[in-house]
Amino acid sequence: MPYYQTWEEFARAAEKLYLTDPMKVRVVLKYRHCDGNLCMKVTDDAVCLQYKTDQAQDVKKIEKLHGKLMRLMVSKESHSGAMETD
């Protein structure tokens, strides 16, 4: 399970994975205080996407993507066009 090197690639792949099958996708955030690392993992058991950072500015990006995915998970509308409008 390699880590993505750039945030843009990871965010695009995570959104695509979620839109493929929303009922199977899980999102996990893990923070290790001793290392100062924040890791975000998006998986559907077949594909696992990971991004790790120790930069403070990346936390806002992760928070924004996580919020976007959570809004999609609780919305009742179709998931197909929702990510393109944001």
PDB file of N, CA and C in Angstrom:
ATOM      1  N   MET A   1       0.826  -1.179   0.000  1.00  0.00           N
ATOM      2  CA  MET A   1       0.000   0.000   0.000  1.00  0.00           C
ATOM      3  C   MET A   1       0.875   1.249   0.000  1.00  0.00           C
ATOM      4  N   PRO A   2       1.266   1.692  -1.155  1.00  0.00           N
ATOM      5  CA  PRO A   2       2.125   2.874  -1.219  1.00  0.00           C
ATOM      6  C   PRO A   2       1.348   4.156  -0.906  1.00  0.00           C
ATOM      7  N   TYR A   3       2.082   5.158  -0.478  1.00  0.00           N
ATOM      8  CA  TYR A   3       1.507   6.466  -0.188  1.00  0.00           C
ATOM      9  C   TYR A   3       1.600   7.343  -1.431  1.00  0.00           C
ATOM     10  N   TYR A   4       0.588   8.168  -1.644  1.00  0.00           N
ATOM     11  CA  TYR A   4       0.636   9.145  -2.728  1.00  0.00           C
ATOM     12  C   TYR A   4       1.603  10.247  -2.346  1.00  0.00           C
ATOM     13  N   GLN A   5       2.360  10.739  -3.315  1.00  0.00           N
ATOM     14  CA  GLN A   5       3.344  11.788  -3.070  1.00  0.00           C
ATOM     15  C   GLN A   5       2.729  13.188  -3.127  1.00  0.00           C
ATOM     16  N   THR A   6       1.702  13.373  -3.965  1.00  0.00           N
ATOM     17  CA  THR A   6       1.087  14.695  -4.092  1.00  0.00           C
ATOM     18  C   THR A   6      -0.372  14.637  -3.643  1.00  0.00           C
ATOM     19  N   TRP A   7      -0.808  15.723  -3.018  1.00  0.00           N
ATOM     20  CA  TRP A   7      -2.163  15.814  -2.512  1.00  0.00           C
ATOM     21  C   TRP A   7      -3.192  15.774  -3.642  1.00  0.00           C
ATOM     22  N   GLU A   8      -2.923  16.452  -4.742  1.00  0.00           N
ATOM     23  CA  GLU A   8      -3.878  16.540  -5.844  1.00  0.00           C
ATOM     24  C   GLU A   8      -4.205  15.161  -6.414  1.00  0.00           C
ATOM     25  N   GLU A   9      -3.181  14.331  -6.606  1.00  0.00           N
ATOM     26  CA  GLU A   9      -3.391  12.977  -7.114  1.00  0.00           C
ATOM     27  C   GLU A   9      -4.226  12.155  -6.138  1.00  0.00           C
ATOM     28  N   PHE A  10      -3.890  12.263  -4.856  1.00  0.00           N
ATOM     29  CA  PHE A  10      -4.618  11.499  -3.848  1.00  0.00           C
ATOM     30  C   PHE A  10      -6.077  11.928  -3.775  1.00  0.00           C
ATOM     31  N   ALA A  11      -6.354  13.227  -3.741  1.00  0.00           N
ATOM     32  CA  ALA A  11      -7.724  13.724  -3.632  1.00  0.00           C
ATOM     33  C   ALA A  11      -8.557  13.291  -4.837  1.00  0.00           C
ATOM     34  N   ARG A  12      -7.986  13.392  -6.018  1.00  0.00           N
ATOM     35  CA  ARG A  12      -8.690  12.987  -7.237  1.00  0.00           C
ATOM     36  C   ARG A  12      -8.995  11.484  -7.207  1.00  0.00           C
ATOM     37  N   ALA A  13      -8.022  10.675  -6.803  1.00  0.00           N
ATOM     38  CA  ALA A  13      -8.213   9.223  -6.759  1.00  0.00           C
ATOM     39  C   ALA A  13      -9.225   8.833  -5.673  1.00  0.00           C
ATOM     40  N   ALA A  14      -9.197   9.516  -4.534  1.00  0.00           N
ATOM     41  CA  ALA A  14     -10.135   9.215  -3.452  1.00  0.00           C
ATOM     42  C   ALA A  14     -11.569   9.541  -3.862  1.00  0.00           C
ATOM     43  N   GLU A  15     -11.778  10.678  -4.517  1.00  0.00           N
ATOM     44  CA  GLU A  15     -13.114  11.047  -4.978  1.00  0.00           C
ATOM     45  C   GLU A  15     -13.621  10.047  -6.013  1.00  0.00           C
ATOM     46  N   LYS A  16     -12.751   9.656  -6.924  1.00  0.00           N
ATOM     47  CA  LYS A  16     -13.122   8.693  -7.964  1.00  0.00           C
ATOM     48  C   LYS A  16     -13.477   7.345  -7.343  1.00  0.00           C
ATOM     49  N   LEU A  17     -12.695   6.907  -6.372  1.00  0.00           N
ATOM     50  CA  LEU A  17     -12.965   5.641  -5.698  1.00  0.00           C
ATOM     51  C   LEU A  17     -14.305   5.694  -4.980  1.00  0.00           C
ATOM     52  N   TYR A  18     -14.589   6.798  -4.296  1.00  0.00           N
ATOM     53  CA  TYR A  18     -15.864   6.917  -3.594  1.00  0.00           C
ATOM     54  C   TYR A  18     -17.034   6.895  -4.567  1.00  0.00           C
ATOM     55  N   LEU A  19     -16.935   7.619  -5.659  1.00  0.00           N
ATOM     56  CA  LEU A  19     -18.031   7.704  -6.612  1.00  0.00           C
ATOM     57  C   LEU A  19     -18.272   6.381  -7.342  1.00  0.00           C
ATOM     58  N   THR A  20     -17.248   5.526  -7.414  1.00  0.00           N
ATOM     59  CA  THR A  20     -17.392   4.230  -8.058  1.00  0.00           C
ATOM     60  C   THR A  20     -18.358   3.332  -7.296  1.00  0.00           C
ATOM     61  N   ASP A  21     -18.197   3.229  -5.974  1.00  0.00           N
ATOM     62  CA  ASP A  21     -19.095   2.403  -5.161  1.00  0.00           C
ATOM     63  C   ASP A  21     -19.182   2.986  -3.751  1.00  0.00           C
ATOM     64  N   PRO A  22     -20.097   3.921  -3.530  1.00  0.00           N
ATOM     65  CA  PRO A  22     -20.189   4.615  -2.242  1.00  0.00           C
ATOM     66  C   PRO A  22     -20.496   3.715  -1.046  1.00  0.00           C
ATOM     67  N   MET A  23     -21.143   2.588  -1.262  1.00  0.00           N
ATOM     68  CA  MET A  23     -21.524   1.724  -0.142  1.00  0.00           C
ATOM     69  C   MET A  23     -20.359   0.898   0.409  1.00  0.00           C
ATOM     70  N   LYS A  24     -19.264   0.786  -0.312  1.00  0.00           N
ATOM     71  CA  LYS A  24     -18.137  -0.032   0.136  1.00  0.00           C
ATOM     72  C   LYS A  24     -16.958   0.777   0.662  1.00  0.00           C
ATOM     73  N   VAL A  25     -16.939   2.069   0.395  1.00  0.00           N
ATOM     74  CA  VAL A  25     -15.761   2.884   0.712  1.00  0.00           C
ATOM     75  C   VAL A  25     -15.733   3.275   2.187  1.00  0.00           C
ATOM     76  N   ARG A  26     -14.537   3.174   2.778  1.00  0.00           N
ATOM     77  CA  ARG A  26     -14.297   3.615   4.159  1.00  0.00           C
ATOM     78  C   ARG A  26     -13.192   4.653   4.147  1.00  0.00           C
ATOM     79  N   VAL A  27     -13.297   5.608   5.067  1.00  0.00           N
ATOM     80  CA  VAL A  27     -12.283   6.654   5.207  1.00  0.00           C
ATOM     81  C   VAL A  27     -11.751   6.602   6.634  1.00  0.00           C
ATOM     82  N   VAL A  28     -10.432   6.552   6.766  1.00  0.00           N
ATOM     83  CA  VAL A  28      -9.801   6.472   8.079  1.00  0.00           C
ATOM     84  C   VAL A  28      -8.781   7.588   8.199  1.00  0.00           C
ATOM     85  N   LEU A  29      -8.841   8.319   9.301  1.00  0.00           N
ATOM     86  CA  LEU A  29      -7.832   9.331   9.629  1.00  0.00           C
ATOM     87  C   LEU A  29      -7.074   8.848  10.860  1.00  0.00           C
ATOM     88  N   LYS A  30      -5.760   8.930  10.804  1.00  0.00           N
ATOM     89  CA  LYS A  30      -4.950   8.493  11.945  1.00  0.00           C
ATOM     90  C   LYS A  30      -3.855   9.521  12.203  1.00  0.00           C
ATOM     91  N   TYR A  31      -3.743   9.964  13.454  1.00  0.00           N
ATOM     92  CA  TYR A  31      -2.707  10.915  13.843  1.00  0.00           C
ATOM     93  C   TYR A  31      -1.783  10.270  14.855  1.00  0.00           C
ATOM     94  N   ARG A  32      -0.495  10.349  14.576  1.00  0.00           N
ATOM     95  CA  ARG A  32       0.510   9.847  15.520  1.00  0.00           C
ATOM     96  C   ARG A  32       1.251  11.042  16.098  1.00  0.00           C
ATOM     97  N   HIS A  33       0.970  11.313  17.356  1.00  0.00           N
ATOM     98  CA  HIS A  33       1.552  12.484  18.011  1.00  0.00           C
ATOM     99  C   HIS A  33       3.075  12.381  18.135  1.00  0.00           C
ATOM    100  N   CYS A  34       3.579  11.186  18.396  1.00  0.00           N
ATOM    101  CA  CYS A  34       5.020  11.030  18.578  1.00  0.00           C
ATOM    102  C   CYS A  34       5.796  11.373  17.301  1.00  0.00           C
ATOM    103  N   ASP A  35       5.209  11.101  16.137  1.00  0.00           N
ATOM    104  CA  ASP A  35       5.852  11.427  14.866  1.00  0.00           C
ATOM    105  C   ASP A  35       5.373  12.755  14.295  1.00  0.00           C
ATOM    106  N   GLY A  36       4.190  13.187  14.732  1.00  0.00           N
ATOM    107  CA  GLY A  36       3.586  14.384  14.153  1.00  0.00           C
ATOM    108  C   GLY A  36       3.024  14.131  12.764  1.00  0.00           C
ATOM    109  N   ASN A  37       2.666  12.886  12.471  1.00  0.00           N
ATOM    110  CA  ASN A  37       2.150  12.513  11.150  1.00  0.00           C
ATOM    111  C   ASN A  37       0.646  12.325  11.176  1.00  0.00           C
ATOM    112  N   LEU A  38      -0.008  12.799  10.134  1.00  0.00           N
ATOM    113  CA  LEU A  38      -1.428  12.563   9.923  1.00  0.00           C
ATOM    114  C   LEU A  38      -1.558  11.732   8.667  1.00  0.00           C
ATOM    115  N   CYS A  39      -2.280  10.618   8.758  1.00  0.00           N
ATOM    116  CA  CYS A  39      -2.448   9.705   7.637  1.00  0.00           C
ATOM    117  C   CYS A  39      -3.926   9.597   7.306  1.00  0.00           C
ATOM    118  N   MET A  40      -4.247   9.694   6.020  1.00  0.00           N
ATOM    119  CA  MET A  40      -5.615   9.499   5.556  1.00  0.00           C
ATOM    120  C   MET A  40      -5.622   8.296   4.639  1.00  0.00           C
ATOM    121  N   LYS A  41      -6.543   7.365   4.911  1.00  0.00           N
ATOM    122  CA  LYS A  41      -6.650   6.153   4.111  1.00  0.00           C
ATOM    123  C   LYS A  41      -8.081   6.037   3.608  1.00  0.00           C
ATOM    124  N   VAL A  42      -8.228   5.801   2.305  1.00  0.00           N
ATOM    125  CA  VAL A  42      -9.527   5.581   1.673  1.00  0.00           C
ATOM    126  C   VAL A  42      -9.453   4.223   1.001  1.00  0.00           C
ATOM    127  N   THR A  43     -10.387   3.327   1.358  1.00  0.00           N
ATOM    128  CA  THR A  43     -10.330   1.977   0.832  1.00  0.00           C
ATOM    129  C   THR A  43     -11.714   1.422   0.564  1.00  0.00           C
ATOM    130  N   ASP A  44     -11.783   0.495  -0.380  1.00  0.00           N
ATOM    131  CA  ASP A  44     -13.009  -0.276  -0.630  1.00  0.00           C
ATOM    132  C   ASP A  44     -12.701  -1.769  -0.553  1.00  0.00           C
ATOM    133  N   ASP A  45     -11.669  -2.147   0.123  1.00  0.00           N
ATOM    134  CA  ASP A  45     -11.162  -3.504   0.325  1.00  0.00           C
ATOM    135  C   ASP A  45     -10.438  -4.065  -0.891  1.00  0.00           C
ATOM    136  N   ALA A  46     -10.673  -3.526  -2.069  1.00  0.00           N
ATOM    137  CA  ALA A  46      -9.932  -3.960  -3.249  1.00  0.00           C
ATOM    138  C   ALA A  46      -8.802  -2.982  -3.552  1.00  0.00           C
ATOM    139  N   VAL A  47      -9.079  -1.690  -3.357  1.00  0.00           N
ATOM    140  CA  VAL A  47      -8.112  -0.626  -3.617  1.00  0.00           C
ATOM    141  C   VAL A  47      -7.905   0.141  -2.318  1.00  0.00           C
ATOM    142  N   CYS A  48      -6.655   0.435  -1.997  1.00  0.00           N
ATOM    143  CA  CYS A  48      -6.339   1.186  -0.790  1.00  0.00           C
ATOM    144  C   CYS A  48      -5.485   2.394  -1.179  1.00  0.00           C
ATOM    145  N   LEU A  49      -5.989   3.587  -0.881  1.00  0.00           N
ATOM    146  CA  LEU A  49      -5.275   4.832  -1.173  1.00  0.00           C
ATOM    147  C   LEU A  49      -4.828   5.454   0.140  1.00  0.00           C
ATOM    148  N   GLN A  50      -3.578   5.889   0.209  1.00  0.00           N
ATOM    149  CA  GLN A  50      -3.055   6.472   1.440  1.00  0.00           C
ATOM    150  C   GLN A  50      -2.274   7.741   1.154  1.00  0.00           C
ATOM    151  N   TYR A  51      -2.387   8.686   2.105  1.00  0.00           N
ATOM    152  CA  TYR A  51      -1.617   9.928   2.029  1.00  0.00           C
ATOM    153  C   TYR A  51      -1.159  10.256   3.437  1.00  0.00           C
ATOM    154  N   LYS A  52       0.127  10.549   3.587  1.00  0.00           N
ATOM    155  CA  LYS A  52       0.689  10.875   4.899  1.00  0.00           C
ATOM    156  C   LYS A  52       1.398  12.210   4.826  1.00  0.00           C
ATOM    157  N   THR A  53       1.210  13.026   5.874  1.00  0.00           N
ATOM    158  CA  THR A  53       1.853  14.329   5.907  1.00  0.00           C
ATOM    159  C   THR A  53       2.233  14.714   7.326  1.00  0.00           C
ATOM    160  N   ASP A  54       3.205  15.592   7.413  1.00  0.00           N
ATOM    161  CA  ASP A  54       3.553  16.192   8.700  1.00  0.00           C
ATOM    162  C   ASP A  54       3.501  17.716   8.609  1.00  0.00           C
ATOM    163  N   GLN A  55       2.910  18.220   7.516  1.00  0.00           N
ATOM    164  CA  GLN A  55       2.807  19.655   7.279  1.00  0.00           C
ATOM    165  C   GLN A  55       1.461  20.189   7.767  1.00  0.00           C
ATOM    166  N   ALA A  56       1.476  21.327   8.454  1.00  0.00           N
ATOM    167  CA  ALA A  56       0.252  21.901   9.010  1.00  0.00           C
ATOM    168  C   ALA A  56      -0.721  22.347   7.923  1.00  0.00           C
ATOM    169  N   GLN A  57      -0.216  22.860   6.805  1.00  0.00           N
ATOM    170  CA  GLN A  57      -1.123  23.338   5.752  1.00  0.00           C
ATOM    171  C   GLN A  57      -1.883  22.191   5.093  1.00  0.00           C
ATOM    172  N   ASP A  58      -1.348  20.986   5.121  1.00  0.00           N
ATOM    173  CA  ASP A  58      -2.036  19.834   4.544  1.00  0.00           C
ATOM    174  C   ASP A  58      -3.223  19.399   5.395  1.00  0.00           C
ATOM    175  N   VAL A  59      -3.227  19.737   6.674  1.00  0.00           N
ATOM    176  CA  VAL A  59      -4.333  19.355   7.544  1.00  0.00           C
ATOM    177  C   VAL A  59      -5.633  19.994   7.055  1.00  0.00           C
ATOM    178  N   LYS A  60      -5.581  21.248   6.624  1.00  0.00           N
ATOM    179  CA  LYS A  60      -6.769  21.923   6.095  1.00  0.00           C
ATOM    180  C   LYS A  60      -7.268  21.232   4.825  1.00  0.00           C
ATOM    181  N   LYS A  61      -6.354  20.812   3.973  1.00  0.00           N
ATOM    182  CA  LYS A  61      -6.738  20.108   2.744  1.00  0.00           C
ATOM    183  C   LYS A  61      -7.422  18.780   3.076  1.00  0.00           C
ATOM    184  N   ILE A  62      -6.861  18.056   4.024  1.00  0.00           N
ATOM    185  CA  ILE A  62      -7.438  16.776   4.437  1.00  0.00           C
ATOM    186  C   ILE A  62      -8.813  17.007   5.054  1.00  0.00           C
ATOM    187  N   GLU A  63      -8.925  18.036   5.878  1.00  0.00           N
ATOM    188  CA  GLU A  63     -10.207  18.351   6.507  1.00  0.00           C
ATOM    189  C   GLU A  63     -11.267  18.694   5.462  1.00  0.00           C
ATOM    190  N   LYS A  64     -10.886  19.441   4.436  1.00  0.00           N
ATOM    191  CA  LYS A  64     -11.819  19.817   3.382  1.00  0.00           C
ATOM    192  C   LYS A  64     -12.291  18.594   2.600  1.00  0.00           C
ATOM    193  N   LEU A  65     -11.365  17.712   2.202  1.00  0.00           N
ATOM    194  CA  LEU A  65     -11.736  16.498   1.475  1.00  0.00           C
ATOM    195  C   LEU A  65     -12.600  15.590   2.341  1.00  0.00           C
ATOM    196  N   HIS A  66     -12.237  15.444   3.597  1.00  0.00           N
ATOM    197  CA  HIS A  66     -13.000  14.590   4.509  1.00  0.00           C
ATOM    198  C   HIS A  66     -14.426  15.117   4.662  1.00  0.00           C
ATOM    199  N   GLY A  67     -14.573  16.422   4.811  1.00  0.00           N
ATOM    200  CA  GLY A  67     -15.899  17.024   4.908  1.00  0.00           C
ATOM    201  C   GLY A  67     -16.719  16.821   3.650  1.00  0.00           C
ATOM    202  N   LYS A  68     -16.065  16.944   2.495  1.00  0.00           N
ATOM    203  CA  LYS A  68     -16.744  16.753   1.210  1.00  0.00           C
ATOM    204  C   LYS A  68     -17.251  15.314   1.078  1.00  0.00           C
ATOM    205  N   LEU A  69     -16.409  14.350   1.452  1.00  0.00           N
ATOM    206  CA  LEU A  69     -16.820  12.952   1.390  1.00  0.00           C
ATOM    207  C   LEU A  69     -17.945  12.654   2.381  1.00  0.00           C
ATOM    208  N   MET A  70     -17.886  13.250   3.566  1.00  0.00           N
ATOM    209  CA  MET A  70     -18.940  13.031   4.555  1.00  0.00           C
ATOM    210  C   MET A  70     -20.270  13.616   4.082  1.00  0.00           C
ATOM    211  N   ARG A  71     -20.238  14.788   3.454  1.00  0.00           N
ATOM    212  CA  ARG A  71     -21.466  15.381   2.913  1.00  0.00           C
ATOM    213  C   ARG A  71     -22.069  14.479   1.841  1.00  0.00           C
ATOM    214  N   LEU A  72     -21.236  13.901   1.004  1.00  0.00           N
ATOM    215  CA  LEU A  72     -21.731  12.984  -0.016  1.00  0.00           C
ATOM    216  C   LEU A  72     -22.353  11.734   0.609  1.00  0.00           C
ATOM    217  N   MET A  73     -21.753  11.269   1.690  1.00  0.00           N
ATOM    218  CA  MET A  73     -22.255  10.050   2.318  1.00  0.00           C
ATOM    219  C   MET A  73     -23.633  10.237   2.948  1.00  0.00           C
ATOM    220  N   VAL A  74     -23.933  11.428   3.414  1.00  0.00           N
ATOM    221  CA  VAL A  74     -25.223  11.642   4.067  1.00  0.00           C
ATOM    222  C   VAL A  74     -26.266  12.267   3.143  1.00  0.00           C
ATOM    223  N   SER A  75     -25.862  12.671   1.940  1.00  0.00           N
ATOM    224  CA  SER A  75     -26.822  13.295   1.029  1.00  0.00           C
ATOM    225  C   SER A  75     -27.738  12.247   0.421  1.00  0.00           C
ATOM    226  N   LYS A  76     -28.944  12.672   0.062  1.00  0.00           N
ATOM    227  CA  LYS A  76     -29.920  11.761  -0.529  1.00  0.00           C
ATOM    228  C   LYS A  76     -29.941  11.867  -2.040  1.00  0.00           C
ATOM    229  N   GLU A  77     -29.254  12.864  -2.596  1.00  0.00           N
ATOM    230  CA  GLU A  77     -29.257  13.045  -4.039  1.00  0.00           C
ATOM    231  C   GLU A  77     -28.264  12.108  -4.704  1.00  0.00           C
ATOM    232  N   SER A  78     -28.277  12.091  -6.010  1.00  0.00           N
ATOM    233  CA  SER A  78     -27.359  11.257  -6.779  1.00  0.00           C
ATOM    234  C   SER A  78     -25.922  11.684  -6.519  1.00  0.00           C
ATOM    235  N   HIS A  79     -25.028  10.730  -6.441  1.00  0.00           N
ATOM    236  CA  HIS A  79     -23.620  11.008  -6.167  1.00  0.00           C
ATOM    237  C   HIS A  79     -22.840  11.368  -7.420  1.00  0.00           C
ATOM    238  N   SER A  80     -23.397  11.173  -8.595  1.00  0.00           N
ATOM    239  CA  SER A  80     -22.629  11.312  -9.830  1.00  0.00           C
ATOM    240  C   SER A  80     -22.175  12.747 -10.094  1.00  0.00           C
ATOM    241  N   GLY A  81     -23.033  13.733  -9.903  1.00  0.00           N
ATOM    242  CA  GLY A  81     -22.658  15.095 -10.218  1.00  0.00           C
ATOM    243  C   GLY A  81     -22.261  15.938  -9.034  1.00  0.00           C
ATOM    244  N   ALA A  82     -22.330  15.380  -7.848  1.00  0.00           N
ATOM    245  CA  ALA A  82     -22.095  16.166  -6.639  1.00  0.00           C
ATOM    246  C   ALA A  82     -20.658  16.633  -6.501  1.00  0.00           C
ATOM    247  N   MET A  83     -19.681  15.813  -6.844  1.00  0.00           N
ATOM    248  CA  MET A  83     -18.284  16.200  -6.667  1.00  0.00           C
ATOM    249  C   MET A  83     -17.850  17.218  -7.705  1.00  0.00           C
ATOM    250  N   GLU A  84     -18.480  17.216  -8.877  1.00  0.00           N
ATOM    251  CA  GLU A  84     -18.069  18.128  -9.929  1.00  0.00           C
ATOM    252  C   GLU A  84     -18.469  19.563  -9.640  1.00  0.00           C
ATOM    253  N   THR A  85     -19.496  19.785  -8.817  1.00  0.00           N
ATOM    254  CA  THR A  85     -19.953  21.140  -8.540  1.00  0.00           C
ATOM    255  C   THR A  85     -19.091  21.827  -7.495  1.00  0.00           C
ATOM    256  N   ASP A  86     -18.385  21.080  -6.651  1.00  0.00           N
ATOM    257  CA  ASP A  86     -17.554  21.692  -5.600  1.00  0.00           C
ATOM    258  C   ASP A  86     -16.245  22.186  -6.113  1.00  0.00           C
TER     259      ASP A  86
END
